Protein backbone atom coordinates (compact mmCIF):
# COMPACT_ATOMS: atom_id res chain seq x y z
CA MET A 1 -39.65 5.64 19.61
CA ASN A 2 -38.48 2.81 21.63
CA LEU A 3 -37.16 1.18 18.03
CA PHE A 4 -35.36 4.54 17.02
CA LEU A 5 -33.92 4.97 20.67
CA ALA A 6 -32.34 1.22 20.59
CA PHE A 7 -30.97 2.26 16.92
CA ASP A 8 -29.22 5.44 18.52
CA PHE A 9 -27.65 3.35 21.44
CA THR A 10 -26.45 0.78 18.75
CA ASN A 11 -24.87 3.78 17.11
CA PHE A 12 -23.32 5.51 19.79
CA ILE A 13 -21.89 2.66 21.24
CA GLY A 14 -20.99 1.31 18.31
CA ARG A 15 -19.24 3.66 17.01
CA PHE A 16 -16.43 3.97 19.62
CA HIS A 17 -14.91 0.33 18.08
CA PRO A 18 -12.57 2.39 15.46
CA LEU A 19 -11.57 4.35 18.45
CA PHE A 20 -10.45 1.87 20.78
CA VAL A 21 -9.63 -1.32 18.28
CA HIS A 22 -6.31 -0.10 17.00
CA LEU A 23 -4.83 0.39 20.75
CA PRO A 24 -5.01 -3.16 21.70
CA ILE A 25 -3.37 -4.17 18.44
CA GLY A 26 -0.59 -1.60 19.27
CA PHE A 27 0.23 -3.31 22.78
CA LEU A 28 -0.15 -6.99 21.64
CA ILE A 29 2.61 -6.27 18.36
CA LEU A 30 4.75 -4.37 20.60
CA GLY A 31 4.85 -7.33 23.46
CA VAL A 32 5.57 -9.65 20.51
CA LEU A 33 8.56 -7.44 19.31
CA MET A 34 9.96 -6.80 22.80
CA GLU A 35 9.99 -10.64 23.22
CA TRP A 36 11.54 -11.18 20.31
CA TYR A 37 14.69 -8.54 20.43
CA GLN A 38 14.84 -10.02 24.00
CA ARG A 39 15.40 -13.54 22.53
CA ILE A 40 17.76 -12.28 20.02
CA SER A 41 19.99 -10.41 22.64
CA LYS A 42 19.76 -13.60 24.98
CA THR A 43 18.55 -12.10 27.78
CA GLU A 44 17.85 -14.81 30.46
CA LYS A 45 14.42 -13.74 31.58
CA LEU A 46 11.80 -12.03 29.62
CA SER A 47 10.88 -8.34 31.04
CA ASN A 48 7.21 -8.56 32.93
CA LEU A 49 6.49 -5.41 30.07
CA ILE A 50 5.98 -8.13 27.86
CA SER A 51 3.16 -9.75 29.91
CA TYR A 52 1.77 -6.08 31.00
CA ALA A 53 1.67 -5.26 26.73
CA TRP A 54 -0.33 -8.77 26.62
CA LEU A 55 -2.80 -7.98 29.52
CA LEU A 56 -3.30 -4.42 27.90
CA GLY A 57 -4.18 -5.40 24.62
CA GLY A 58 -6.39 -8.08 25.86
CA ILE A 59 -8.57 -5.38 28.09
CA GLY A 60 -8.39 -2.95 25.26
CA GLY A 61 -9.54 -5.93 23.01
CA ALA A 62 -12.73 -6.33 25.15
CA PHE A 63 -13.52 -3.17 24.99
CA ALA A 64 -13.02 -2.85 20.96
CA ALA A 65 -14.56 -6.33 20.82
CA PHE A 66 -18.06 -5.00 22.79
CA CYS A 67 -18.57 -1.59 21.18
CA GLY A 68 -17.63 -3.86 17.75
CA TRP A 69 -20.29 -6.11 18.35
CA TRP A 70 -22.61 -3.06 19.11
CA LEU A 71 -21.58 -1.91 15.24
CA GLY A 72 -22.32 -4.92 13.71
CA GLU A 73 -26.03 -4.16 15.16
CA THR A 74 -26.45 -1.22 13.10
CA GLY A 75 -27.57 -3.57 9.94
CA LEU A 76 -24.72 -1.87 8.08
CA TYR A 77 -23.15 -5.30 7.35
CA PHE A 78 -23.48 -8.52 6.29
CA GLU A 79 -24.37 -11.29 8.81
CA ASP A 80 -22.16 -13.60 7.30
CA ASP A 81 -19.28 -11.30 7.04
CA LEU A 82 -19.96 -10.17 10.48
CA PHE A 83 -19.62 -13.65 12.14
CA LEU A 84 -16.17 -14.76 11.42
CA HIS A 85 -15.06 -11.04 11.53
CA ARG A 86 -16.79 -10.68 15.74
CA TRP A 87 -15.92 -14.18 16.68
CA ILE A 88 -11.68 -14.12 15.72
CA GLY A 89 -12.19 -10.68 17.16
CA ILE A 90 -13.21 -12.58 20.66
CA ALA A 91 -10.57 -15.21 20.12
CA ILE A 92 -7.79 -12.75 19.75
CA VAL A 93 -9.36 -11.67 23.35
CA LEU A 94 -9.10 -14.65 24.92
CA LEU A 95 -5.58 -15.23 23.05
CA SER A 96 -4.53 -12.15 24.60
CA PHE A 97 -5.64 -12.84 28.49
CA GLY A 98 -4.02 -16.43 27.71
CA GLY A 99 -0.61 -14.91 26.50
CA TRP A 100 -0.47 -12.79 29.46
CA TRP A 101 -0.64 -15.84 31.65
CA LEU A 102 1.96 -17.65 29.56
CA LYS A 103 4.60 -14.51 29.31
CA LYS A 104 3.65 -13.82 33.21
CA ASN A 105 4.79 -17.96 33.80
CA ALA A 106 7.58 -17.61 30.98
CA GLU A 107 10.01 -20.35 32.38
CA ASN A 108 7.24 -22.87 32.62
CA TYR A 109 6.87 -23.34 28.95
CA SER A 110 9.74 -23.81 26.01
CA ASN A 111 10.69 -21.18 23.53
CA MET A 112 8.42 -23.39 20.74
CA VAL A 113 5.43 -22.67 23.06
CA HIS A 114 6.18 -18.75 22.94
CA GLN A 115 6.98 -18.18 19.67
CA GLY A 116 3.87 -20.57 18.19
CA VAL A 117 1.64 -18.16 20.47
CA ASN A 118 3.36 -15.02 19.17
CA ILE A 119 2.80 -16.38 15.43
CA PHE A 120 -0.75 -17.35 15.94
CA LEU A 121 -1.36 -14.29 17.17
CA ILE A 122 0.26 -12.25 14.33
CA ALA A 123 -1.72 -14.09 11.61
CA LEU A 124 -5.11 -13.69 13.68
CA ILE A 125 -4.42 -10.20 13.95
CA SER A 126 -3.73 -9.89 10.00
CA PHE A 127 -6.87 -11.57 8.83
CA GLU A 128 -9.44 -9.86 11.30
CA GLY A 129 -7.73 -6.24 10.56
CA HIS A 130 -8.21 -7.92 6.36
CA LEU A 131 -11.92 -8.78 7.22
CA GLY A 132 -12.75 -5.43 8.94
CA GLY A 133 -11.15 -3.84 6.19
CA ASN A 134 -13.27 -5.88 3.75
CA LEU A 135 -16.89 -4.72 5.90
CA THR A 136 -16.02 -1.22 5.89
CA HIS A 137 -14.39 -0.48 2.42
CA GLY A 138 -15.92 -3.12 0.36
CA GLU A 139 -13.88 -6.97 -0.59
CA ALA A 140 -11.72 -4.93 -3.34
CA TYR A 141 -9.91 -2.62 -0.66
CA LEU A 142 -6.84 -4.50 -0.31
CA PHE A 143 -6.41 -5.65 -3.99
CA GLU A 144 -8.03 -2.74 -5.84
CA TYR A 145 -4.81 -1.03 -6.70
CA ALA A 146 -2.51 -4.02 -6.96
CA PRO A 147 -0.42 -5.04 -9.99
CA GLU A 148 -2.89 -6.45 -12.89
CA GLY A 149 -2.08 -9.99 -12.18
CA ILE A 150 -2.32 -10.17 -8.62
CA ARG A 151 -5.56 -8.18 -8.49
CA ASN A 152 -7.20 -10.80 -11.15
CA MET A 153 -6.40 -13.28 -9.39
CA MET A 154 -7.60 -12.05 -5.93
CA LEU A 155 -10.74 -9.83 -6.86
CA ASP A 156 -13.90 -11.54 -7.83
CA GLU A 157 -14.23 -10.25 -11.77
CA LYS A 158 -18.03 -10.64 -11.83
CA SER A 159 -18.58 -7.74 -8.86
CA GLU A 160 -17.42 -5.12 -11.84
CA ILE A 161 -18.59 -1.31 -11.13
CA ALA A 162 -21.07 0.56 -13.04
CA ASP A 163 -18.57 2.71 -14.71
CA LEU A 164 -20.37 5.76 -15.02
CA SER A 165 -17.71 8.26 -15.29
CA LYS A 166 -17.96 8.66 -19.20
CA THR A 167 -21.69 9.60 -18.72
CA ASP A 168 -22.70 13.14 -19.52
CA SER A 169 -25.45 13.68 -16.86
CA ILE A 170 -25.95 11.41 -14.13
CA ARG A 171 -29.24 11.97 -12.37
CA VAL A 172 -28.83 11.04 -8.56
CA TYR A 173 -32.25 8.97 -8.38
CA ASP A 174 -32.80 7.59 -12.04
CA ASP A 175 -28.99 6.38 -12.28
CA LEU A 176 -27.87 5.65 -8.61
CA VAL A 177 -30.56 5.30 -6.51
CA LEU A 178 -33.26 3.42 -8.93
CA PRO A 179 -31.15 0.52 -9.45
CA ILE A 180 -30.61 -0.67 -5.82
CA PHE A 181 -34.29 -0.31 -5.64
CA GLN A 182 -34.76 -2.61 -8.64
CA GLN A 183 -32.91 -5.44 -7.54
CA LYS A 184 -33.31 -5.28 -3.80
CA CYS A 185 -36.87 -4.10 -3.42
CA PHE A 186 -39.17 -4.29 -6.65
CA ALA A 187 -39.82 -8.20 -6.30
CA CYS A 188 -41.80 -7.37 -3.14
CA HIS A 189 -42.80 -3.44 -3.85
CA ASN A 190 -43.63 -3.13 -7.39
CA ASN A 191 -47.18 -1.99 -9.41
CA GLU A 192 -48.49 -5.78 -9.35
CA VAL A 193 -47.22 -6.75 -5.87
CA GLN A 194 -47.21 -4.42 -2.96
CA ARG A 195 -46.31 -6.17 0.45
CA GLY A 196 -47.24 -4.09 3.38
CA GLY A 197 -49.08 -2.11 1.09
CA LEU A 198 -45.71 -0.31 0.01
CA ASN A 199 -45.29 -0.22 -3.97
CA MET A 200 -41.98 1.42 -5.15
CA ALA A 201 -42.21 1.59 -8.56
CA SER A 202 -41.99 5.26 -8.71
CA ILE A 203 -41.28 8.52 -6.03
CA ASP A 204 -44.94 9.29 -5.75
CA SER A 205 -45.74 5.74 -4.36
CA MET A 206 -43.12 5.78 -2.28
CA LEU A 207 -44.32 8.69 -0.71
CA ALA A 208 -47.69 7.61 -0.61
CA GLY A 209 -46.42 4.94 1.69
CA GLY A 210 -47.79 1.42 2.86
CA ASP A 211 -49.03 0.13 6.27
CA GLY A 212 -46.21 2.15 8.21
CA GLY A 213 -46.54 5.20 6.26
CA PRO A 214 -44.52 7.00 3.80
CA ALA A 215 -41.28 4.73 2.51
CA PHE A 216 -38.98 8.10 3.48
CA LEU A 217 -39.13 11.94 4.30
CA GLY A 218 -36.68 13.60 2.58
CA GLY A 219 -34.10 15.24 4.50
CA ASN A 220 -34.78 12.98 7.50
CA LEU A 221 -33.15 10.00 7.95
CA GLU A 222 -34.70 9.09 11.45
CA GLU A 223 -37.89 9.35 10.51
CA SER A 224 -37.75 7.54 7.07
CA GLU A 225 -39.12 4.39 7.27
CA LEU A 226 -37.15 2.77 4.28
CA PHE A 227 -33.88 3.72 5.68
CA ARG A 228 -34.70 2.20 8.86
CA ARG A 229 -35.91 -1.30 7.55
CA MET A 230 -32.98 -1.76 5.77
CA THR A 231 -30.62 -1.29 8.64
CA LEU A 232 -32.03 -3.32 11.06
CA PRO A 233 -30.00 -6.18 12.20
CA GLN A 234 -30.81 -9.09 9.85
CA LYS A 235 -32.57 -11.29 12.35
CA ASN A 236 -35.23 -8.45 13.19
CA ILE A 237 -38.42 -9.71 11.80
CA LYS A 238 -39.28 -5.90 10.14
CA PHE A 239 -35.33 -6.36 8.16
CA MET A 240 -35.75 -5.29 4.72
CA PRO A 241 -34.95 -7.49 2.30
CA PRO A 242 -36.45 -10.06 3.93
CA VAL A 243 -34.78 -12.50 1.61
CA GLY A 244 -32.05 -12.84 -0.94
CA ASP A 245 -29.16 -10.36 -0.72
CA PRO A 246 -29.35 -7.48 1.49
CA LEU A 247 -28.47 -4.03 0.33
CA THR A 248 -24.35 -3.91 0.51
CA TYR A 249 -22.25 -1.38 2.77
CA ASP A 250 -22.06 0.96 -0.22
CA GLU A 251 -25.68 0.75 -1.26
CA ILE A 252 -26.82 1.60 2.29
CA LYS A 253 -24.59 4.78 1.65
CA ILE A 254 -25.95 5.96 -1.73
CA VAL A 255 -29.44 5.55 -0.61
CA GLU A 256 -28.44 7.39 2.94
CA TRP A 257 -26.82 10.13 0.95
CA TRP A 258 -29.78 10.57 -1.11
CA ILE A 259 -32.49 10.99 1.80
CA ALA A 260 -30.19 12.99 3.53
CA GLN A 261 -30.10 15.66 0.50
CA GLY A 262 -33.86 15.75 0.26
CA ALA A 263 -34.31 12.77 -2.08
CA PRO A 264 -34.83 14.27 -4.94
CA ALA A 265 -36.86 13.07 -8.05
CA ASP A 266 -34.96 14.82 -10.51
CA ALA A 267 -31.83 16.38 -9.32
CA MET A 268 -28.31 15.88 -11.29
CA ILE A 269 -25.08 14.95 -9.40
CA THR A 270 -23.85 18.41 -10.13
CA ASP A 271 -27.24 20.06 -8.48
CA VAL A 272 -26.50 17.91 -4.61
CA GLU A 273 -23.66 18.30 -2.14
CA VAL A 274 -21.91 15.25 -2.41
CA VAL A 275 -20.70 14.61 1.00
CA GLU A 276 -17.01 13.74 1.75
CA SER A 277 -18.12 10.25 3.20
CA VAL A 278 -19.84 9.12 -0.07
CA LYS A 279 -17.45 10.05 -2.14
CA PRO A 280 -15.45 6.95 -1.92
CA THR A 281 -18.57 4.94 -2.44
CA LEU A 282 -19.41 6.78 -5.62
CA MET A 283 -15.68 5.75 -6.91
CA ARG A 284 -15.72 2.14 -5.91
CA ARG A 285 -18.91 1.43 -7.28
CA TYR A 286 -19.89 3.91 -9.95
CA ASN A 287 -16.15 5.14 -10.79
CA LEU A 288 -17.27 8.57 -10.31
CA ASP A 289 -14.58 11.24 -9.01
CA THR A 290 -16.85 14.23 -7.73
CA ASN A 291 -13.79 16.01 -6.55
CA PRO A 292 -13.75 19.59 -8.60
CA ARG A 293 -11.52 19.01 -11.60
CA PRO A 294 -9.24 21.71 -12.97
CA TYR A 295 -10.61 23.69 -15.66
CA TYR A 296 -7.96 22.73 -18.15
CA GLU A 297 -8.81 19.11 -17.91
CA MET A 298 -12.63 19.94 -19.02
CA VAL A 299 -11.45 21.87 -22.32
CA ASN A 300 -11.99 19.90 -25.39
CA ILE A 301 -9.94 21.15 -28.48
CA ALA A 302 -8.41 19.45 -31.39
CA PRO A 303 -4.06 19.20 -31.10
CA LEU A 304 -2.68 22.51 -32.20
CA ASP A 305 -0.49 21.60 -35.54
CA SER A 306 3.01 20.14 -35.06
CA LEU A 307 4.40 22.91 -37.24
CA GLN A 308 3.09 25.79 -35.00
CA ILE A 309 4.52 24.04 -32.10
CA VAL A 310 7.57 24.45 -33.74
CA ALA A 311 7.42 27.91 -34.43
CA LEU A 312 6.77 28.80 -30.96
CA GLU A 313 9.91 27.09 -29.82
CA GLU A 314 11.93 28.89 -32.88
CA SER A 315 10.58 32.07 -30.83
CA GLY A 316 12.15 31.07 -28.00
CA PHE A 317 9.60 29.50 -25.74
CA THR A 318 9.84 25.65 -24.27
CA VAL A 319 6.41 24.14 -24.85
CA ASN A 320 5.20 21.04 -23.39
CA VAL A 321 1.78 19.24 -24.18
CA LEU A 322 -0.07 18.28 -20.67
CA GLY A 323 0.12 14.72 -22.00
CA GLY A 324 -2.35 11.65 -22.29
CA GLN A 325 -5.78 12.89 -23.91
CA ASN A 326 -5.15 16.82 -23.01
CA PRO A 327 -4.01 18.93 -25.95
CA LEU A 328 -3.35 22.03 -23.97
CA LEU A 329 0.05 23.44 -23.88
CA ASP A 330 2.34 24.02 -20.76
CA LEU A 331 4.78 27.66 -22.10
CA LYS A 332 8.10 28.94 -20.59
CA PHE A 333 9.99 32.00 -22.19
CA SER A 334 13.49 30.55 -21.98
CA GLY A 335 15.55 34.01 -22.13
CA LYS A 336 15.27 37.61 -20.31
CA GLU A 337 13.93 39.58 -22.98
CA VAL A 338 10.80 38.99 -24.42
CA THR A 339 9.74 41.34 -27.59
CA GLU A 340 6.44 42.22 -28.89
CA GLN A 341 7.23 40.08 -32.00
CA GLN A 342 7.83 37.16 -29.72
CA LEU A 343 4.88 37.41 -27.98
CA LYS A 344 2.17 37.78 -31.11
CA SER A 345 3.89 34.42 -32.05
CA LEU A 346 1.89 33.08 -29.18
CA GLU A 347 -1.41 34.25 -30.77
CA PRO A 348 -1.75 31.71 -33.04
CA ALA A 349 -2.11 29.33 -30.15
CA ALA A 350 -4.00 31.46 -28.04
CA LYS A 351 -6.92 28.77 -27.01
CA HIS A 352 -4.03 26.06 -26.55
CA ILE A 353 -1.77 27.95 -23.92
CA THR A 354 -2.81 26.95 -20.45
CA TRP A 355 -0.08 27.37 -18.27
CA LEU A 356 2.36 30.11 -19.37
CA SER A 357 5.50 31.29 -17.60
CA LEU A 358 7.14 34.81 -18.35
CA ALA A 359 8.83 35.14 -15.09
CA ARG A 360 12.22 36.97 -14.17
CA THR A 361 11.61 38.71 -17.87
CA ASN A 362 11.15 42.42 -19.02
CA ILE A 363 7.53 41.82 -19.89
CA SER A 364 5.39 44.80 -19.62
CA ASP A 365 1.94 46.12 -18.96
CA GLU A 366 1.50 46.46 -22.62
CA GLY A 367 2.70 42.94 -23.40
CA LEU A 368 -0.28 41.71 -20.90
CA ALA A 369 -2.72 42.88 -23.37
CA ILE A 370 -1.81 40.25 -25.75
CA ILE A 371 -2.01 37.62 -22.85
CA ALA A 372 -5.44 39.05 -21.95
CA GLN A 373 -6.49 36.94 -25.68
CA PHE A 374 -5.53 33.24 -23.61
CA GLU A 375 -9.01 32.26 -23.19
CA ASN A 376 -8.06 28.62 -21.86
CA LEU A 377 -4.96 30.20 -19.42
CA THR A 378 -5.14 28.78 -16.03
CA ARG A 379 -1.48 29.60 -14.97
CA LEU A 380 0.16 32.43 -15.50
CA GLN A 381 3.94 33.19 -13.86
CA LEU A 382 4.98 36.44 -13.73
CA GLU A 383 7.25 36.69 -10.54
CA LYS A 384 10.15 39.12 -10.81
CA THR A 385 8.73 41.42 -13.78
CA ARG A 386 8.04 44.94 -13.79
CA ILE A 387 4.40 44.47 -14.09
CA THR A 388 2.18 47.07 -12.35
CA ASP A 389 -1.54 47.51 -11.24
CA THR A 390 -2.05 48.50 -14.84
CA GLY A 391 -1.33 45.16 -16.14
CA VAL A 392 -3.48 43.13 -13.52
CA ALA A 393 -6.59 45.47 -15.04
CA ALA A 394 -5.15 43.93 -18.54
CA ILE A 395 -5.69 40.39 -17.79
CA SER A 396 -8.52 40.79 -15.47
CA ASN A 397 -11.04 39.44 -17.97
CA LEU A 398 -8.88 35.58 -17.66
CA LYS A 399 -12.14 33.99 -15.92
CA HIS A 400 -10.41 30.67 -16.09
CA LEU A 401 -7.27 31.56 -14.19
CA GLU A 402 -6.48 29.81 -11.39
CA ALA A 403 -3.06 30.70 -10.11
CA LEU A 404 -1.30 34.15 -11.01
CA ASN A 405 2.15 34.73 -9.52
CA LEU A 406 3.30 38.66 -9.09
CA TYR A 407 6.04 37.74 -6.70
CA GLY A 408 8.40 40.87 -6.56
CA THR A 409 6.23 42.86 -9.10
CA ASP A 410 5.44 46.41 -8.60
CA VAL A 411 1.59 46.05 -7.81
CA THR A 412 -0.04 47.37 -4.95
CA ASN A 413 -3.37 47.69 -3.66
CA ALA A 414 -5.18 48.84 -6.16
CA CYS A 415 -4.69 45.89 -7.95
CA LEU A 416 -6.59 43.91 -5.61
CA THR A 417 -9.85 45.30 -7.17
CA ASP A 418 -9.01 43.34 -10.74
CA LEU A 419 -7.91 40.53 -8.85
CA LYS A 420 -11.27 40.21 -7.22
CA LYS A 421 -12.99 40.22 -10.59
CA MET A 422 -11.18 36.93 -11.72
CA GLU A 423 -13.73 34.32 -11.04
CA GLY A 424 -11.75 31.28 -11.19
CA LEU A 425 -8.50 32.79 -9.25
CA LYS A 426 -7.71 30.32 -6.16
CA ARG A 427 -4.20 31.21 -5.73
CA VAL A 428 -2.20 34.54 -6.32
CA TYR A 429 1.21 35.28 -5.01
CA LEU A 430 2.00 38.61 -3.64
CA TRP A 431 5.13 38.31 -1.57
CA GLU A 432 7.54 41.37 -1.87
CA THR A 433 4.92 43.43 -3.39
CA LYS A 434 3.51 46.61 -2.32
CA VAL A 435 0.15 45.14 -1.35
CA THR A 436 -0.40 45.20 2.47
CA ALA A 437 -0.74 42.22 4.74
CA ALA A 438 -4.38 43.40 5.69
CA ASP A 439 -5.86 44.54 2.23
CA ALA A 440 -4.46 41.01 1.06
CA LYS A 441 -6.21 39.17 3.98
CA SER A 442 -9.08 41.22 3.00
CA LEU A 443 -9.21 39.97 -0.63
CA GLU A 444 -8.70 36.65 0.77
CA GLU A 445 -11.64 36.37 2.97
CA SER A 446 -13.95 38.11 0.33
CA LYS A 447 -13.51 34.97 -2.00
CA GLU A 448 -14.14 31.46 -0.58
CA GLU A 449 -11.40 29.58 -2.49
CA LEU A 450 -9.06 32.23 -2.59
CA GLN A 451 -5.75 31.88 -1.24
CA VAL A 452 -3.53 34.53 -0.95
CA ILE A 453 0.48 33.99 -0.45
CA ILE A 454 2.07 36.86 1.15
CA GLY A 455 5.56 37.19 2.90
CA GLU A 456 5.52 38.88 6.17
CA GLY A 457 7.20 42.57 5.93
C-alpha cells in the first residue's frame, strides 16, 4: 500500500509540471525581448522590469523543475532521455538567477556579455523544449510532418511504425498488446522460463499470476502488478524489464489503455472505447486513425462510366468526383427549374451520388421520391425550395444521410418525427421554417449526435 501511495504522490506532484513550465519561459523570453528593444532604441539604462522578468523566470523555473523531477519518477520515461532534460532544466534555472543578477547590475558588464547570456538562454530553452517534446510525443514529433528530405535526414528510419491502417480487423490484444509483451517481457516470462513464477505466454497464465499474484486486474490499474512494475523508476529493483530496453511511452500507453478497458482477450478495436489520450499513440505507432469516418469514405464501389457523367452534365448538373480513391459524386443543379425528366436522369448514378444540391430550385415533394432511391446520399441541400413535411417523409428512409438543409422551406413540427428516423443524421438546418425552437431543441436532445441549426424568430 505504501508503494501505491508513493506512486500516487509522484503522479500528483509531477502532473503540475506542464502547468508551471510555460510561464517561466514566457518571463525569460519577455526579458530578453525587452532588453533587445531597449538596446535598439538606444536607451541608456536598462529597465528594472528586465531583471524582474529574469527573477520571475528563475522562480517559476524552480517550481517547474521540482515538479518535473517527480514526473520523471513515474517511470513513464527512459532514464537516459530524462537525464539530459532534467539537468538542462536545472541549468536554465541557475542561469535565470544568474541573469537576474547580471541585468540588475547591467552597467558593470559589457553588451557582449549580456548578449552572450541572452543567446545562450534562448538556445538552452529551445533545446530543452525539443527534449521535452520528444519525451512526451516521441522522437519523431518535431519532424514527422516536415518535407520528406528534412524528415529523412532528421529521423531514424529504422524506427518505422507497424502500419495497421490497411488491416480489415484489428484485435486489441493480439495485434496491439501481445507484440509489446513478446518484445519486452517474454524473454523472462514464457512457457520455459518463468521468473517470479510468472508466465506471460497467455492471458490465462497472466491471470494465474506469479509470486506477486495476478499480473493484472482488468479495469483496475492501481491493483495491476504488471503495470505498476513497468512504470516504477528504472533504478527500482522491481522495475520491469530489468534488462534491455524498457517500454516506451507509447507502449506503456497501449498497455494502460488495454487494462483500463478491462483487459479483453478477443475484443476488436471497434468493440472498445478508444479514449482521446490513446488516439495519438495509435496513430504514431500503428498509423491507425480511430476517429469516426464519414460514411462516404467507407463506400466501396466501381467508378461511374464517363459517358454517364457526361449525360448528367448535359441534363444540367455540375458533377464533381470526390477525388483520390473515392469514386462518389458531388452534384449540383445549375438552374432554377428542374424537371421530372432531369431528376430521372440521375437514376443510373443513384449509387454514386453522395452529395446533392437542389437548393433554390422548384423541386417538389413528388420529386424527392426519386431522390429517396439514392442509398449512398450523405448530404442533401434543399434550402429555399417548396419542400414540405411530405417531402421529408419521402426521404426518411435514407439511413446514411448525415446533413440535410431545409432552410427557408415550408416544413413544420410534423417533419420532426421523420427526421428522427434518419439513423445517420448529424446536422439539419431548420432556420426560417415553421418548426418551433422548443421542438427543434427537443429533437436535438433525443438524438445524441444530432445538431439542429435553427435561427431565432
